Amino acid sequence: MLAARRLATHRLIARALGRWGHLLLPAVLIGIGLLILLPGLAGAS
């Protein structure tokens, strides 16, 4: 938790998240969803 707070409040990272966060968050969530779904689909046959 402390590492996440320090990372998110770092000046350069906070600026990048402020600028690109609205694009980054959906991409990360889609990636996590694919990591969950793809192994399940591969074993379903």
PDB file of N, CA and C in Angstrom:
ATOM      1  N   MET A   1       0.830  -1.187   0.000  1.00  0.00           N
ATOM      2  CA  MET A   1       0.000   0.000   0.000  1.00  0.00           C
ATOM      3  C   MET A   1       0.879   1.256   0.000  1.00  0.00           C
ATOM      4  N   LEU A   2       1.896   1.249   0.817  1.00  0.00           N
ATOM      5  CA  LEU A   2       2.790   2.404   0.879  1.00  0.00           C
ATOM      6  C   LEU A   2       3.528   2.588  -0.444  1.00  0.00           C
ATOM      7  N   ALA A   3       3.938   1.482  -1.049  1.00  0.00           N
ATOM      8  CA  ALA A   3       4.640   1.573  -2.330  1.00  0.00           C
ATOM      9  C   ALA A   3       3.720   2.152  -3.406  1.00  0.00           C
ATOM     10  N   ALA A   4       2.459   1.749  -3.408  1.00  0.00           N
ATOM     11  CA  ALA A   4       1.508   2.269  -4.390  1.00  0.00           C
ATOM     12  C   ALA A   4       1.290   3.765  -4.194  1.00  0.00           C
ATOM     13  N   ARG A   5       1.175   4.189  -2.961  1.00  0.00           N
ATOM     14  CA  ARG A   5       0.977   5.617  -2.677  1.00  0.00           C
ATOM     15  C   ARG A   5       2.190   6.427  -3.118  1.00  0.00           C
ATOM     16  N   ARG A   6       3.376   5.926  -2.804  1.00  0.00           N
ATOM     17  CA  ARG A   6       4.594   6.647  -3.190  1.00  0.00           C
ATOM     18  C   ARG A   6       4.740   6.706  -4.699  1.00  0.00           C
ATOM     19  N   LEU A   7       4.374   5.611  -5.367  1.00  0.00           N
ATOM     20  CA  LEU A   7       4.473   5.575  -6.821  1.00  0.00           C
ATOM     21  C   LEU A   7       3.468   6.545  -7.447  1.00  0.00           C
ATOM     22  N   ALA A   8       2.240   6.548  -6.949  1.00  0.00           N
ATOM     23  CA  ALA A   8       1.191   7.389  -7.529  1.00  0.00           C
ATOM     24  C   ALA A   8       1.401   8.871  -7.237  1.00  0.00           C
ATOM     25  N   THR A   9       2.110   9.195  -6.173  1.00  0.00           N
ATOM     26  CA  THR A   9       2.325  10.610  -5.846  1.00  0.00           C
ATOM     27  C   THR A   9       3.661  11.129  -6.359  1.00  0.00           C
ATOM     28  N   HIS A  10       4.446  10.279  -7.000  1.00  0.00           N
ATOM     29  CA  HIS A  10       5.685  10.746  -7.623  1.00  0.00           C
ATOM     30  C   HIS A  10       5.309  11.754  -8.706  1.00  0.00           C
ATOM     31  N   ARG A  11       6.028  12.838  -8.780  1.00  0.00           N
ATOM     32  CA  ARG A  11       5.629  13.949  -9.638  1.00  0.00           C
ATOM     33  C   ARG A  11       5.463  13.552 -11.106  1.00  0.00           C
ATOM     34  N   LEU A  12       6.424  12.861 -11.675  1.00  0.00           N
ATOM     35  CA  LEU A  12       6.329  12.486 -13.090  1.00  0.00           C
ATOM     36  C   LEU A  12       5.231  11.452 -13.335  1.00  0.00           C
ATOM     37  N   ILE A  13       5.130  10.484 -12.442  1.00  0.00           N
ATOM     38  CA  ILE A  13       4.115   9.437 -12.599  1.00  0.00           C
ATOM     39  C   ILE A  13       2.724  10.010 -12.390  1.00  0.00           C
ATOM     40  N   ALA A  14       2.569  10.886 -11.396  1.00  0.00           N
ATOM     41  CA  ALA A  14       1.267  11.513 -11.155  1.00  0.00           C
ATOM     42  C   ALA A  14       0.838  12.349 -12.363  1.00  0.00           C
ATOM     43  N   ARG A  15       1.771  13.030 -12.990  1.00  0.00           N
ATOM     44  CA  ARG A  15       1.447  13.823 -14.174  1.00  0.00           C
ATOM     45  C   ARG A  15       1.019  12.918 -15.330  1.00  0.00           C
ATOM     46  N   ALA A  16       1.741  11.803 -15.507  1.00  0.00           N
ATOM     47  CA  ALA A  16       1.393  10.859 -16.578  1.00  0.00           C
ATOM     48  C   ALA A  16       0.038  10.215 -16.307  1.00  0.00           C
ATOM     49  N   LEU A  17      -0.235   9.843 -15.058  1.00  0.00           N
ATOM     50  CA  LEU A  17      -1.536   9.256 -14.733  1.00  0.00           C
ATOM     51  C   LEU A  17      -2.661  10.260 -14.928  1.00  0.00           C
ATOM     52  N   GLY A  18      -2.398  11.511 -14.600  1.00  0.00           N
ATOM     53  CA  GLY A  18      -3.407  12.539 -14.804  1.00  0.00           C
ATOM     54  C   GLY A  18      -3.719  12.751 -16.278  1.00  0.00           C
ATOM     55  N   ARG A  19      -2.703  12.611 -17.108  1.00  0.00           N
ATOM     56  CA  ARG A  19      -2.883  12.833 -18.534  1.00  0.00           C
ATOM     57  C   ARG A  19      -3.410  11.588 -19.244  1.00  0.00           C
ATOM     58  N   TRP A  20      -2.898  10.417 -18.890  1.00  0.00           N
ATOM     59  CA  TRP A  20      -3.200   9.188 -19.632  1.00  0.00           C
ATOM     60  C   TRP A  20      -4.001   8.171 -18.840  1.00  0.00           C
ATOM     61  N   GLY A  21      -4.366   8.476 -17.605  1.00  0.00           N
ATOM     62  CA  GLY A  21      -5.060   7.513 -16.754  1.00  0.00           C
ATOM     63  C   GLY A  21      -6.390   7.054 -17.312  1.00  0.00           C
ATOM     64  N   HIS A  22      -7.118   7.945 -17.996  1.00  0.00           N
ATOM     65  CA  HIS A  22      -8.416   7.578 -18.548  1.00  0.00           C
ATOM     66  C   HIS A  22      -8.279   6.558 -19.673  1.00  0.00           C
ATOM     67  N   LEU A  23      -7.109   6.452 -20.281  1.00  0.00           N
ATOM     68  CA  LEU A  23      -6.854   5.430 -21.299  1.00  0.00           C
ATOM     69  C   LEU A  23      -6.165   4.204 -20.702  1.00  0.00           C
ATOM     70  N   LEU A  24      -5.334   4.436 -19.710  1.00  0.00           N
ATOM     71  CA  LEU A  24      -4.555   3.363 -19.124  1.00  0.00           C
ATOM     72  C   LEU A  24      -5.416   2.399 -18.310  1.00  0.00           C
ATOM     73  N   LEU A  25      -6.329   2.909 -17.511  1.00  0.00           N
ATOM     74  CA  LEU A  25      -7.141   2.053 -16.649  1.00  0.00           C
ATOM     75  C   LEU A  25      -7.975   1.047 -17.438  1.00  0.00           C
ATOM     76  N   PRO A  26      -8.730   1.455 -18.473  1.00  0.00           N
ATOM     77  CA  PRO A  26      -9.474   0.455 -19.242  1.00  0.00           C
ATOM     78  C   PRO A  26      -8.570  -0.588 -19.897  1.00  0.00           C
ATOM     79  N   ALA A  27      -7.414  -0.173 -20.384  1.00  0.00           N
ATOM     80  CA  ALA A  27      -6.488  -1.127 -21.010  1.00  0.00           C
ATOM     81  C   ALA A  27      -5.994  -2.149 -19.988  1.00  0.00           C
ATOM     82  N   VAL A  28      -5.688  -1.706 -18.785  1.00  0.00           N
ATOM     83  CA  VAL A  28      -5.232  -2.616 -17.736  1.00  0.00           C
ATOM     84  C   VAL A  28      -6.349  -3.571 -17.343  1.00  0.00           C
ATOM     85  N   LEU A  29      -7.559  -3.069 -17.195  1.00  0.00           N
ATOM     86  CA  LEU A  29      -8.679  -3.927 -16.801  1.00  0.00           C
ATOM     87  C   LEU A  29      -9.012  -4.949 -17.887  1.00  0.00           C
ATOM     88  N   ILE A  30      -8.952  -4.542 -19.143  1.00  0.00           N
ATOM     89  CA  ILE A  30      -9.179  -5.482 -20.244  1.00  0.00           C
ATOM     90  C   ILE A  30      -8.088  -6.543 -20.250  1.00  0.00           C
ATOM     91  N   GLY A  31      -6.854  -6.138 -20.032  1.00  0.00           N
ATOM     92  CA  GLY A  31      -5.751  -7.091 -19.975  1.00  0.00           C
ATOM     93  C   GLY A  31      -5.923  -8.107 -18.856  1.00  0.00           C
ATOM     94  N   ILE A  32      -6.331  -7.646 -17.687  1.00  0.00           N
ATOM     95  CA  ILE A  32      -6.576  -8.565 -16.568  1.00  0.00           C
ATOM     96  C   ILE A  32      -7.714  -9.517 -16.910  1.00  0.00           C
ATOM     97  N   GLY A  33      -8.771  -8.997 -17.521  1.00  0.00           N
ATOM     98  CA  GLY A  33      -9.889  -9.846 -17.919  1.00  0.00           C
ATOM     99  C   GLY A  33      -9.477 -10.910 -18.916  1.00  0.00           C
ATOM    100  N   LEU A  34      -8.641 -10.542 -19.867  1.00  0.00           N
ATOM    101  CA  LEU A  34      -8.163 -11.529 -20.846  1.00  0.00           C
ATOM    102  C   LEU A  34      -7.284 -12.587 -20.196  1.00  0.00           C
ATOM    103  N   LEU A  35      -6.467 -12.169 -19.237  1.00  0.00           N
ATOM    104  CA  LEU A  35      -5.636 -13.148 -18.526  1.00  0.00           C
ATOM    105  C   LEU A  35      -6.487 -14.154 -17.756  1.00  0.00           C
ATOM    106  N   ILE A  36      -7.638 -13.724 -17.299  1.00  0.00           N
ATOM    107  CA  ILE A  36      -8.532 -14.618 -16.573  1.00  0.00           C
ATOM    108  C   ILE A  36      -9.296 -15.510 -17.533  1.00  0.00           C
ATOM    109  N   LEU A  37      -9.788 -14.928 -18.638  1.00  0.00           N
ATOM    110  CA  LEU A  37     -10.656 -15.677 -19.559  1.00  0.00           C
ATOM    111  C   LEU A  37      -9.912 -16.636 -20.474  1.00  0.00           C
ATOM    112  N   LEU A  38      -8.781 -16.245 -20.984  1.00  0.00           N
ATOM    113  CA  LEU A  38      -8.100 -17.073 -21.994  1.00  0.00           C
ATOM    114  C   LEU A  38      -7.692 -18.462 -21.497  1.00  0.00           C
ATOM    115  N   PRO A  39      -7.137 -18.603 -20.317  1.00  0.00           N
ATOM    116  CA  PRO A  39      -6.835 -19.966 -19.858  1.00  0.00           C
ATOM    117  C   PRO A  39      -8.107 -20.812 -19.693  1.00  0.00           C
ATOM    118  N   GLY A  40      -9.199 -20.214 -19.302  1.00  0.00           N
ATOM    119  CA  GLY A  40     -10.457 -20.931 -19.169  1.00  0.00           C
ATOM    120  C   GLY A  40     -11.001 -21.362 -20.510  1.00  0.00           C
ATOM    121  N   LEU A  41     -10.846 -20.531 -21.522  1.00  0.00           N
ATOM    122  CA  LEU A  41     -11.325 -20.880 -22.867  1.00  0.00           C
ATOM    123  C   LEU A  41     -10.467 -21.969 -23.476  1.00  0.00           C
ATOM    124  N   ALA A  42      -9.173 -21.964 -23.187  1.00  0.00           N
ATOM    125  CA  ALA A  42      -8.282 -22.966 -23.760  1.00  0.00           C
ATOM    126  C   ALA A  42      -8.574 -24.357 -23.167  1.00  0.00           C
ATOM    127  N   GLY A  43      -9.006 -24.408 -21.928  1.00  0.00           N
ATOM    128  CA  GLY A  43      -9.297 -25.687 -21.296  1.00  0.00           C
ATOM    129  C   GLY A  43     -10.719 -26.152 -21.503  1.00  0.00           C
ATOM    130  N   ALA A  44     -11.566 -25.349 -22.128  1.00  0.00           N
ATOM    131  CA  ALA A  44     -12.979 -25.690 -22.289  1.00  0.00           C
ATOM    132  C   ALA A  44     -13.242 -26.666 -23.415  1.00  0.00           C
ATOM    133  N   SER A  45     -12.279 -26.931 -24.267  1.00  0.00           N
ATOM    134  CA  SER A  45     -12.532 -27.823 -25.402  1.00  0.00           C
ATOM    135  C   SER A  45     -12.334 -29.238 -25.048  1.00  0.00           C
TER     136      SER A  45
END
